[in-house]
N, C-alpha and C. Protein backbone atom coordinates (compact mmCIF):
# COMPACT_ATOMS: atom_id res chain seq x y z
N MET A 1 35.07 -43.51 19.66
CA MET A 1 33.83 -43.16 19.02
C MET A 1 33.19 -41.97 19.71
N SER A 2 33.22 -41.95 21.04
CA SER A 2 32.60 -40.85 21.76
C SER A 2 33.34 -39.53 21.52
N ARG A 3 34.69 -39.61 21.32
CA ARG A 3 35.45 -38.41 21.01
C ARG A 3 35.06 -37.86 19.64
N THR A 4 34.87 -38.74 18.68
CA THR A 4 34.45 -38.32 17.34
C THR A 4 33.06 -37.67 17.43
N TRP A 5 32.19 -38.30 18.16
CA TRP A 5 30.83 -37.76 18.31
C TRP A 5 30.87 -36.39 18.98
N LEU A 6 31.72 -36.24 19.98
CA LEU A 6 31.86 -34.97 20.67
C LEU A 6 32.39 -33.90 19.72
N SER A 7 33.36 -34.24 18.88
CA SER A 7 33.91 -33.29 17.91
C SER A 7 32.87 -32.87 16.89
N VAL A 8 32.13 -33.85 16.37
CA VAL A 8 31.07 -33.56 15.40
C VAL A 8 30.00 -32.68 16.04
N SER A 9 29.61 -33.00 17.25
CA SER A 9 28.60 -32.22 17.96
C SER A 9 29.06 -30.79 18.18
N THR A 10 30.32 -30.63 18.54
CA THR A 10 30.87 -29.30 18.78
C THR A 10 30.88 -28.48 17.50
N VAL A 11 31.32 -29.10 16.40
CA VAL A 11 31.35 -28.39 15.11
C VAL A 11 29.93 -28.01 14.68
N LEU A 12 28.97 -28.90 14.83
CA LEU A 12 27.58 -28.60 14.46
C LEU A 12 27.01 -27.48 15.32
N ALA A 13 27.27 -27.54 16.60
CA ALA A 13 26.76 -26.50 17.51
C ALA A 13 27.37 -25.15 17.17
N ALA A 14 28.67 -25.12 16.88
CA ALA A 14 29.33 -23.87 16.53
C ALA A 14 28.78 -23.33 15.21
N SER A 15 28.57 -24.20 14.22
CA SER A 15 28.01 -23.78 12.93
C SER A 15 26.62 -23.20 13.10
N LEU A 16 25.81 -23.88 13.91
CA LEU A 16 24.45 -23.42 14.16
C LEU A 16 24.46 -22.07 14.86
N ALA A 17 25.32 -21.91 15.84
CA ALA A 17 25.40 -20.64 16.57
C ALA A 17 25.81 -19.50 15.64
N LEU A 18 26.79 -19.75 14.77
CA LEU A 18 27.23 -18.72 13.83
C LEU A 18 26.14 -18.36 12.84
N SER A 19 25.43 -19.37 12.32
CA SER A 19 24.38 -19.08 11.34
C SER A 19 23.23 -18.34 12.00
N CYS A 20 22.90 -18.65 13.23
CA CYS A 20 21.82 -17.95 13.93
C CYS A 20 22.22 -16.52 14.25
N ALA A 21 23.48 -16.29 14.58
CA ALA A 21 23.94 -14.94 14.87
C ALA A 21 23.82 -14.07 13.63
N SER A 22 24.16 -14.62 12.45
CA SER A 22 24.05 -13.81 11.24
C SER A 22 22.59 -13.60 10.86
N CYS A 23 21.72 -14.56 11.20
CA CYS A 23 20.29 -14.39 10.94
C CYS A 23 19.72 -13.26 11.77
N ALA A 24 20.14 -13.14 13.01
CA ALA A 24 19.60 -12.11 13.89
C ALA A 24 19.95 -10.73 13.37
N ASP A 25 21.14 -10.58 12.77
CA ASP A 25 21.53 -9.28 12.24
C ASP A 25 20.70 -8.88 11.04
N SER A 26 20.22 -9.83 10.25
CA SER A 26 19.48 -9.50 9.03
C SER A 26 17.98 -9.71 9.19
N GLN A 27 17.52 -9.80 10.42
CA GLN A 27 16.09 -10.02 10.65
C GLN A 27 15.29 -8.85 10.10
N THR A 28 14.23 -9.14 9.36
CA THR A 28 13.37 -8.09 8.83
C THR A 28 12.08 -8.09 9.61
N TYR A 29 11.59 -6.91 9.89
CA TYR A 29 10.37 -6.76 10.65
C TYR A 29 9.21 -6.54 9.70
N GLY A 30 8.03 -7.04 10.05
CA GLY A 30 6.85 -6.87 9.24
C GLY A 30 6.43 -5.42 9.20
N ARG A 31 5.71 -5.07 8.15
CA ARG A 31 5.18 -3.72 8.02
C ARG A 31 3.90 -3.60 8.84
N GLN A 32 3.57 -2.39 9.20
CA GLN A 32 2.37 -2.12 9.99
C GLN A 32 1.14 -2.52 9.19
N THR A 33 0.23 -3.26 9.81
CA THR A 33 -0.96 -3.74 9.11
C THR A 33 -2.24 -3.10 9.61
N THR A 34 -2.21 -2.40 10.74
CA THR A 34 -3.41 -1.73 11.24
C THR A 34 -3.06 -0.30 11.60
N ILE A 35 -4.09 0.52 11.65
CA ILE A 35 -3.89 1.91 12.04
C ILE A 35 -5.19 2.42 12.65
N ALA A 36 -5.05 3.12 13.75
CA ALA A 36 -6.23 3.66 14.44
C ALA A 36 -6.57 5.03 13.85
N GLY A 37 -7.84 5.34 13.79
CA GLY A 37 -8.29 6.64 13.33
C GLY A 37 -8.10 6.86 11.85
N ALA A 38 -9.09 7.44 11.22
CA ALA A 38 -9.01 7.73 9.79
C ALA A 38 -10.11 8.70 9.43
N ARG A 39 -9.99 9.32 8.28
CA ARG A 39 -11.05 10.19 7.78
C ARG A 39 -11.83 9.44 6.72
N SER A 40 -13.14 9.47 6.83
CA SER A 40 -13.98 8.77 5.85
C SER A 40 -14.48 9.72 4.78
N ASP A 41 -14.06 10.97 4.86
CA ASP A 41 -14.54 11.98 3.92
C ASP A 41 -13.37 12.63 3.19
N ASP A 42 -12.60 11.85 2.48
CA ASP A 42 -11.45 12.40 1.77
C ASP A 42 -11.94 12.99 0.45
N PRO A 43 -12.17 14.30 0.41
CA PRO A 43 -12.73 14.89 -0.79
C PRO A 43 -11.80 14.81 -2.00
N TRP A 44 -10.52 14.63 -1.75
CA TRP A 44 -9.59 14.57 -2.88
C TRP A 44 -9.84 13.33 -3.73
N LEU A 45 -10.27 12.24 -3.12
CA LEU A 45 -10.50 10.99 -3.85
C LEU A 45 -11.88 10.88 -4.48
N THR A 46 -12.78 11.80 -4.14
CA THR A 46 -14.15 11.70 -4.63
C THR A 46 -14.19 11.75 -6.14
N GLY A 47 -14.85 10.77 -6.72
CA GLY A 47 -14.95 10.72 -8.17
C GLY A 47 -15.90 9.63 -8.59
N GLU A 48 -15.84 9.30 -9.87
CA GLU A 48 -16.70 8.25 -10.42
C GLU A 48 -16.23 6.90 -9.92
N ARG A 49 -17.11 6.22 -9.20
CA ARG A 49 -16.75 4.91 -8.71
C ARG A 49 -17.03 3.86 -9.77
N CYS A 50 -16.50 2.69 -9.56
CA CYS A 50 -16.69 1.58 -10.50
C CYS A 50 -18.16 1.14 -10.46
N THR A 51 -18.69 0.86 -11.62
CA THR A 51 -20.04 0.32 -11.74
C THR A 51 -19.98 -0.90 -12.65
N PRO A 52 -21.05 -1.65 -12.75
CA PRO A 52 -21.04 -2.78 -13.70
C PRO A 52 -20.81 -2.33 -15.14
N ASP A 53 -21.11 -1.05 -15.43
CA ASP A 53 -20.92 -0.53 -16.79
C ASP A 53 -19.51 -0.02 -17.05
N THR A 54 -18.68 0.09 -16.01
CA THR A 54 -17.31 0.57 -16.20
C THR A 54 -16.54 -0.47 -17.00
N PRO A 55 -15.93 -0.04 -18.13
CA PRO A 55 -15.18 -0.99 -18.95
C PRO A 55 -14.06 -1.68 -18.15
N ALA A 56 -13.78 -2.91 -18.50
CA ALA A 56 -12.71 -3.67 -17.83
C ALA A 56 -11.33 -3.13 -18.17
N THR A 57 -11.20 -2.48 -19.31
CA THR A 57 -9.92 -1.88 -19.70
C THR A 57 -10.14 -0.40 -19.95
N PRO A 58 -9.19 0.43 -19.72
CA PRO A 58 -7.84 0.11 -19.28
C PRO A 58 -7.83 -0.28 -17.80
N THR A 59 -6.76 -0.91 -17.40
CA THR A 59 -6.62 -1.31 -16.01
C THR A 59 -5.45 -0.56 -15.37
N PRO A 60 -5.51 -0.36 -14.07
CA PRO A 60 -4.35 0.25 -13.40
C PRO A 60 -3.13 -0.66 -13.52
N ARG A 61 -1.95 -0.06 -13.67
CA ARG A 61 -0.71 -0.82 -13.69
C ARG A 61 -0.16 -0.83 -12.27
N VAL A 62 0.02 -2.02 -11.73
CA VAL A 62 0.37 -2.19 -10.32
C VAL A 62 1.78 -2.75 -10.17
N GLU A 63 2.55 -2.14 -9.27
CA GLU A 63 3.87 -2.65 -8.89
C GLU A 63 3.88 -2.76 -7.37
N VAL A 64 4.11 -3.96 -6.85
CA VAL A 64 4.18 -4.16 -5.41
C VAL A 64 5.59 -3.77 -4.95
N LEU A 65 5.67 -2.77 -4.07
CA LEU A 65 6.95 -2.31 -3.56
C LEU A 65 7.34 -3.00 -2.26
N ALA A 66 6.35 -3.36 -1.45
CA ALA A 66 6.58 -4.08 -0.20
C ALA A 66 5.39 -5.01 0.02
N ALA A 67 5.68 -6.26 0.27
CA ALA A 67 4.62 -7.25 0.44
C ALA A 67 3.90 -7.04 1.76
N GLY A 68 2.62 -7.36 1.76
CA GLY A 68 1.82 -7.33 2.97
C GLY A 68 1.65 -8.74 3.51
N THR A 69 0.82 -8.86 4.53
CA THR A 69 0.56 -10.17 5.12
C THR A 69 -0.95 -10.35 5.29
N GLY A 70 -1.36 -11.56 5.46
CA GLY A 70 -2.77 -11.83 5.71
C GLY A 70 -3.56 -11.97 4.43
N ALA A 71 -4.87 -12.02 4.60
CA ALA A 71 -5.77 -12.22 3.47
C ALA A 71 -5.88 -10.94 2.64
N PRO A 72 -6.00 -11.09 1.32
CA PRO A 72 -6.18 -9.91 0.47
C PRO A 72 -7.55 -9.28 0.72
N VAL A 73 -7.61 -7.95 0.55
CA VAL A 73 -8.88 -7.26 0.76
C VAL A 73 -9.79 -7.47 -0.44
N THR A 74 -11.09 -7.51 -0.16
CA THR A 74 -12.10 -7.75 -1.20
C THR A 74 -13.24 -6.75 -1.04
N GLN A 75 -14.17 -6.77 -1.99
CA GLN A 75 -15.33 -5.90 -1.97
C GLN A 75 -16.03 -5.96 -0.62
N GLY A 76 -16.46 -4.81 -0.13
CA GLY A 76 -17.18 -4.72 1.13
C GLY A 76 -16.29 -4.51 2.34
N MET A 77 -14.99 -4.72 2.21
CA MET A 77 -14.09 -4.56 3.35
C MET A 77 -13.76 -3.08 3.55
N THR A 78 -13.55 -2.71 4.81
CA THR A 78 -13.13 -1.36 5.16
C THR A 78 -11.62 -1.39 5.35
N VAL A 79 -10.95 -0.50 4.63
CA VAL A 79 -9.50 -0.39 4.74
C VAL A 79 -9.13 1.06 4.98
N ARG A 80 -7.93 1.26 5.45
CA ARG A 80 -7.40 2.60 5.64
C ARG A 80 -6.12 2.68 4.82
N ILE A 81 -5.93 3.83 4.18
CA ILE A 81 -4.76 3.99 3.32
C ILE A 81 -4.10 5.33 3.58
N HIS A 82 -2.79 5.31 3.48
CA HIS A 82 -2.01 6.53 3.30
C HIS A 82 -1.60 6.49 1.85
N TYR A 83 -1.65 7.63 1.19
CA TYR A 83 -1.26 7.63 -0.22
C TYR A 83 -0.64 8.96 -0.60
N VAL A 84 0.13 8.89 -1.66
CA VAL A 84 0.66 10.07 -2.31
C VAL A 84 0.19 9.96 -3.76
N ALA A 85 -0.43 11.04 -4.26
CA ALA A 85 -0.88 11.07 -5.65
C ALA A 85 -0.01 12.06 -6.41
N ALA A 86 0.42 11.64 -7.59
CA ALA A 86 1.27 12.49 -8.41
C ALA A 86 0.84 12.40 -9.86
N LEU A 87 1.20 13.41 -10.62
CA LEU A 87 1.01 13.36 -12.06
C LEU A 87 2.08 12.43 -12.63
N ALA A 88 1.92 12.06 -13.88
CA ALA A 88 2.87 11.14 -14.51
C ALA A 88 4.30 11.71 -14.53
N ASN A 89 4.44 13.04 -14.49
CA ASN A 89 5.78 13.64 -14.49
C ASN A 89 6.43 13.66 -13.11
N GLY A 90 5.72 13.14 -12.09
CA GLY A 90 6.26 13.06 -10.73
C GLY A 90 5.84 14.20 -9.81
N THR A 91 5.10 15.17 -10.32
CA THR A 91 4.65 16.28 -9.50
C THR A 91 3.57 15.82 -8.53
N VAL A 92 3.84 15.95 -7.23
CA VAL A 92 2.89 15.52 -6.20
C VAL A 92 1.72 16.50 -6.17
N VAL A 93 0.50 15.93 -6.20
CA VAL A 93 -0.70 16.76 -6.13
C VAL A 93 -1.47 16.55 -4.84
N HIS A 94 -1.21 15.47 -4.12
CA HIS A 94 -1.87 15.25 -2.83
C HIS A 94 -1.08 14.21 -2.03
N ASP A 95 -1.00 14.44 -0.71
CA ASP A 95 -0.25 13.54 0.17
C ASP A 95 -0.96 13.47 1.52
N THR A 96 -1.50 12.31 1.87
CA THR A 96 -2.21 12.17 3.15
C THR A 96 -1.27 12.20 4.34
N HIS A 97 0.02 12.09 4.12
CA HIS A 97 0.98 12.15 5.22
C HIS A 97 1.10 13.56 5.78
N GLU A 98 0.71 14.57 5.00
CA GLU A 98 0.85 15.96 5.45
C GLU A 98 0.03 16.22 6.72
N ASP A 99 -1.17 15.64 6.81
CA ASP A 99 -1.95 15.83 8.04
C ASP A 99 -1.95 14.57 8.90
N SER A 100 -1.20 13.58 8.50
CA SER A 100 -0.98 12.31 9.20
C SER A 100 -2.24 11.47 9.43
N THR A 101 -3.35 11.82 8.78
CA THR A 101 -4.58 11.05 8.95
C THR A 101 -4.83 10.22 7.70
N PRO A 102 -4.88 8.90 7.84
CA PRO A 102 -5.16 8.08 6.67
C PRO A 102 -6.62 8.24 6.24
N SER A 103 -6.91 7.80 5.04
CA SER A 103 -8.27 7.83 4.50
C SER A 103 -8.88 6.45 4.64
N GLU A 104 -10.18 6.41 4.97
CA GLU A 104 -10.89 5.14 5.09
C GLU A 104 -11.73 4.93 3.84
N VAL A 105 -11.63 3.73 3.28
CA VAL A 105 -12.35 3.38 2.06
C VAL A 105 -13.07 2.07 2.30
N VAL A 106 -14.34 2.01 1.91
CA VAL A 106 -15.08 0.76 1.93
C VAL A 106 -15.15 0.31 0.49
N LEU A 107 -14.43 -0.76 0.17
CA LEU A 107 -14.38 -1.21 -1.22
C LEU A 107 -15.77 -1.55 -1.73
N GLY A 108 -16.15 -0.90 -2.83
CA GLY A 108 -17.44 -1.14 -3.45
C GLY A 108 -18.53 -0.19 -3.03
N SER A 109 -18.30 0.64 -1.99
CA SER A 109 -19.39 1.54 -1.60
C SER A 109 -18.95 2.97 -1.32
N THR A 110 -17.66 3.23 -1.24
CA THR A 110 -17.19 4.60 -1.04
C THR A 110 -17.04 5.25 -2.41
N HIS A 111 -17.39 6.51 -2.51
CA HIS A 111 -17.31 7.22 -3.79
C HIS A 111 -15.89 7.69 -4.06
N VAL A 112 -15.02 6.75 -4.40
CA VAL A 112 -13.65 7.09 -4.78
C VAL A 112 -13.48 6.76 -6.25
N ILE A 113 -12.48 7.38 -6.85
CA ILE A 113 -12.25 7.13 -8.27
C ILE A 113 -12.07 5.63 -8.51
N CYS A 114 -12.63 5.18 -9.62
CA CYS A 114 -12.68 3.75 -9.93
C CYS A 114 -11.29 3.11 -9.96
N GLY A 115 -10.32 3.81 -10.53
CA GLY A 115 -8.98 3.24 -10.64
C GLY A 115 -8.35 2.95 -9.30
N LEU A 116 -8.62 3.80 -8.30
CA LEU A 116 -8.06 3.55 -6.97
C LEU A 116 -8.72 2.33 -6.35
N GLU A 117 -10.04 2.23 -6.50
CA GLU A 117 -10.73 1.06 -5.94
C GLU A 117 -10.20 -0.23 -6.57
N ARG A 118 -9.99 -0.21 -7.88
CA ARG A 118 -9.44 -1.40 -8.54
C ARG A 118 -8.02 -1.68 -8.06
N ALA A 119 -7.26 -0.64 -7.79
CA ALA A 119 -5.88 -0.81 -7.32
C ALA A 119 -5.82 -1.40 -5.92
N LEU A 120 -6.83 -1.11 -5.09
CA LEU A 120 -6.84 -1.62 -3.72
C LEU A 120 -7.24 -3.09 -3.65
N ALA A 121 -8.09 -3.53 -4.57
CA ALA A 121 -8.56 -4.91 -4.54
C ALA A 121 -7.38 -5.87 -4.61
N GLY A 122 -7.34 -6.80 -3.70
CA GLY A 122 -6.28 -7.81 -3.68
C GLY A 122 -5.06 -7.43 -2.86
N MET A 123 -4.98 -6.17 -2.40
CA MET A 123 -3.84 -5.80 -1.55
C MET A 123 -3.96 -6.53 -0.22
N ARG A 124 -2.83 -6.70 0.42
CA ARG A 124 -2.79 -7.32 1.74
C ARG A 124 -2.38 -6.26 2.77
N PRO A 125 -2.87 -6.36 3.99
CA PRO A 125 -2.49 -5.38 5.01
C PRO A 125 -0.98 -5.25 5.13
N GLY A 126 -0.51 -4.01 5.17
CA GLY A 126 0.92 -3.74 5.24
C GLY A 126 1.59 -3.61 3.88
N GLU A 127 0.86 -3.91 2.82
CA GLU A 127 1.43 -3.84 1.47
C GLU A 127 1.57 -2.40 1.01
N GLN A 128 2.58 -2.16 0.21
CA GLN A 128 2.77 -0.86 -0.43
C GLN A 128 2.84 -1.09 -1.93
N ARG A 129 2.06 -0.31 -2.66
CA ARG A 129 2.02 -0.43 -4.12
C ARG A 129 2.25 0.93 -4.77
N ARG A 130 2.86 0.87 -5.95
CA ARG A 130 2.89 2.02 -6.86
C ARG A 130 1.92 1.65 -7.97
N VAL A 131 0.95 2.52 -8.20
CA VAL A 131 -0.11 2.23 -9.16
C VAL A 131 -0.23 3.39 -10.14
N VAL A 132 -0.21 3.07 -11.43
CA VAL A 132 -0.47 4.08 -12.45
C VAL A 132 -1.92 3.89 -12.87
N ILE A 133 -2.72 4.93 -12.63
CA ILE A 133 -4.14 4.88 -12.94
C ILE A 133 -4.39 5.67 -14.22
N PRO A 134 -4.89 4.99 -15.26
CA PRO A 134 -5.18 5.68 -16.52
C PRO A 134 -6.24 6.77 -16.32
N TRP A 135 -6.14 7.83 -17.09
CA TRP A 135 -7.03 8.99 -16.92
C TRP A 135 -8.50 8.60 -16.95
N ALA A 136 -8.87 7.60 -17.74
CA ALA A 136 -10.28 7.19 -17.84
C ALA A 136 -10.80 6.63 -16.52
N LEU A 137 -9.91 6.14 -15.66
CA LEU A 137 -10.30 5.60 -14.35
C LEU A 137 -9.94 6.55 -13.22
N ALA A 138 -9.43 7.74 -13.57
CA ALA A 138 -9.06 8.73 -12.56
C ALA A 138 -10.10 9.86 -12.61
N PHE A 139 -9.68 11.03 -13.08
CA PHE A 139 -10.60 12.17 -13.13
C PHE A 139 -11.09 12.45 -14.55
N GLY A 140 -10.83 11.53 -15.45
CA GLY A 140 -11.46 11.53 -16.77
C GLY A 140 -11.05 12.62 -17.74
N GLU A 141 -11.96 12.83 -18.65
CA GLU A 141 -11.79 13.75 -19.77
C GLU A 141 -11.47 15.17 -19.29
N GLY A 142 -12.15 15.62 -18.24
CA GLY A 142 -12.00 17.01 -17.79
C GLY A 142 -10.92 17.24 -16.75
N GLY A 143 -10.40 16.19 -16.14
CA GLY A 143 -9.42 16.37 -15.07
C GLY A 143 -10.08 16.96 -13.84
N ARG A 144 -9.32 17.64 -13.04
CA ARG A 144 -9.85 18.31 -11.85
C ARG A 144 -9.00 19.55 -11.61
N ALA A 145 -9.49 20.65 -12.15
CA ALA A 145 -8.75 21.91 -12.06
C ALA A 145 -8.66 22.35 -10.60
N PRO A 146 -7.60 22.98 -10.19
CA PRO A 146 -6.46 23.39 -10.99
C PRO A 146 -5.33 22.35 -11.00
N GLN A 147 -5.41 21.31 -10.16
CA GLN A 147 -4.27 20.40 -10.01
C GLN A 147 -4.15 19.35 -11.10
N ILE A 148 -5.26 18.80 -11.53
CA ILE A 148 -5.24 17.67 -12.46
C ILE A 148 -5.70 18.13 -13.83
N PRO A 149 -4.80 18.14 -14.81
CA PRO A 149 -5.21 18.55 -16.16
C PRO A 149 -6.12 17.50 -16.81
N PRO A 150 -6.80 17.87 -17.89
CA PRO A 150 -7.64 16.90 -18.60
C PRO A 150 -6.82 15.69 -19.05
N ARG A 151 -7.47 14.53 -19.02
CA ARG A 151 -6.88 13.28 -19.50
C ARG A 151 -5.53 12.96 -18.84
N ALA A 152 -5.42 13.22 -17.55
CA ALA A 152 -4.15 13.00 -16.84
C ALA A 152 -4.14 11.64 -16.15
N ASP A 153 -3.13 10.83 -16.50
CA ASP A 153 -2.88 9.61 -15.75
C ASP A 153 -2.32 10.04 -14.39
N LEU A 154 -2.61 9.25 -13.35
CA LEU A 154 -2.11 9.54 -12.01
C LEU A 154 -1.27 8.38 -11.51
N VAL A 155 -0.28 8.70 -10.69
CA VAL A 155 0.55 7.69 -10.05
C VAL A 155 0.29 7.78 -8.55
N PHE A 156 -0.14 6.67 -7.97
CA PHE A 156 -0.40 6.61 -6.53
C PHE A 156 0.63 5.70 -5.89
N LEU A 157 1.15 6.12 -4.75
CA LEU A 157 1.93 5.25 -3.87
C LEU A 157 1.02 5.01 -2.68
N ILE A 158 0.64 3.77 -2.45
CA ILE A 158 -0.39 3.44 -1.47
C ILE A 158 0.16 2.50 -0.41
N ASP A 159 -0.10 2.84 0.86
CA ASP A 159 0.14 1.94 1.99
C ASP A 159 -1.23 1.53 2.50
N LEU A 160 -1.48 0.23 2.60
CA LEU A 160 -2.79 -0.26 3.01
C LEU A 160 -2.77 -0.81 4.42
N TYR A 161 -3.81 -0.44 5.20
CA TYR A 161 -3.99 -0.92 6.57
C TYR A 161 -5.44 -1.34 6.74
N LEU A 162 -5.67 -2.24 7.66
CA LEU A 162 -7.02 -2.50 8.12
C LEU A 162 -7.26 -1.61 9.32
N PRO A 163 -8.52 -1.29 9.65
CA PRO A 163 -8.74 -0.55 10.90
C PRO A 163 -8.14 -1.32 12.07
N ALA A 164 -7.73 -0.60 13.09
CA ALA A 164 -7.04 -1.21 14.24
C ALA A 164 -7.87 -2.29 14.92
N ASN A 165 -9.18 -2.17 14.88
CA ASN A 165 -10.01 -3.17 15.54
C ASN A 165 -10.28 -4.40 14.69
N MET A 166 -9.75 -4.45 13.46
CA MET A 166 -10.02 -5.58 12.57
C MET A 166 -8.89 -6.59 12.52
N ALA A 167 -7.71 -6.25 13.01
CA ALA A 167 -6.56 -7.17 12.93
C ALA A 167 -5.66 -6.96 14.14
N VAL A 168 -4.76 -7.89 14.34
CA VAL A 168 -3.91 -7.83 15.51
C VAL A 168 -2.44 -7.74 15.16
N ASP A 169 -2.06 -8.00 13.92
CA ASP A 169 -0.67 -8.06 13.50
C ASP A 169 -0.06 -6.67 13.43
N HIS A 170 0.96 -6.40 14.25
CA HIS A 170 1.60 -5.09 14.26
C HIS A 170 3.05 -5.24 13.84
N GLY A 171 3.58 -4.20 13.23
CA GLY A 171 4.98 -4.19 12.83
C GLY A 171 5.48 -2.76 12.88
N VAL A 172 6.55 -2.50 12.19
CA VAL A 172 7.06 -1.14 12.15
C VAL A 172 6.29 -0.38 11.09
N PRO A 173 6.11 0.93 11.27
CA PRO A 173 5.34 1.69 10.29
C PRO A 173 6.09 1.81 8.98
N PRO A 174 5.35 1.86 7.87
CA PRO A 174 6.01 2.00 6.58
C PRO A 174 6.61 3.39 6.42
N ALA A 175 7.59 3.49 5.57
CA ALA A 175 8.20 4.78 5.29
C ALA A 175 7.22 5.63 4.48
N ASN A 176 7.43 6.94 4.49
CA ASN A 176 6.59 7.83 3.71
C ASN A 176 6.78 7.50 2.24
N PRO A 177 5.71 7.06 1.54
CA PRO A 177 5.88 6.66 0.16
C PRO A 177 6.18 7.83 -0.77
N GLY A 178 5.99 9.04 -0.33
CA GLY A 178 6.20 10.20 -1.19
C GLY A 178 7.61 10.73 -1.20
N ALA A 179 8.49 10.14 -0.44
CA ALA A 179 9.87 10.64 -0.40
C ALA A 179 10.46 10.59 -1.79
N GLY A 180 11.01 11.68 -2.23
CA GLY A 180 11.66 11.75 -3.53
C GLY A 180 10.75 12.22 -4.65
N MET A 181 9.46 12.43 -4.40
CA MET A 181 8.59 12.96 -5.45
C MET A 181 8.62 14.48 -5.38
N ARG A 182 8.45 15.13 -6.51
CA ARG A 182 8.48 16.59 -6.56
C ARG A 182 7.15 17.17 -6.11
N ARG A 183 7.20 18.29 -5.42
CA ARG A 183 5.99 19.02 -5.01
C ARG A 183 5.58 19.96 -6.11
N ARG A 184 4.31 20.17 -6.27
CA ARG A 184 3.81 21.11 -7.26
C ARG A 184 3.43 22.39 -6.58
C-alpha cells in the first residue's frame, strides 16, 4: 500500500510541477494603473462638456482592448490619460505620446468634449479602450479647423491611469495605442 501511495504521490507531484512550469511561461503582467505627472490644460480636448441638457444619444461606441483593474472611475474622480485621436479614416490628428505627458481630467468638471467624458466613465485603471465618438459629442457641426472637418466622428485610443498618489497597483506600461495609425 505504501508503494502505491508513493507512486501516486510521485505522479501527482510531477504533474503539478509540469503544470506550474507551463504557467510560469505564460504569466501575464498587469497593465500600469498609475502615472506621475500630467498636464491639466490639454487645449486639444477643450470643447463642449456634458450638461444635463446634452442628449443621451448618440453615445460613444466603446471597445475594450485591454482590461483594467480596480474600481471603475466615476464623476468627480481625477484620472490621467494617454490618448491618440484620429479621424474615422485613421488619420491621426493628436497623440499625447509625442510629448510623453498624459492629460489630467476631472470627470464632470474639466472642459473636455462630452463624448470623451462619457467614454471615460466606467473605465478601470490600466484599461485601454478604442472609442468612436459621434461628431455631435466631439467638435460638432463646425469641427475644429484645420484638423477636424465639420461633422467629423473621432476615434480615440485611450489608456487610463489614476494619479500616482491615488493607487498603489503597478504593472508594465501599456503599449503606444497609436501604433499603426496614419499620420496626417
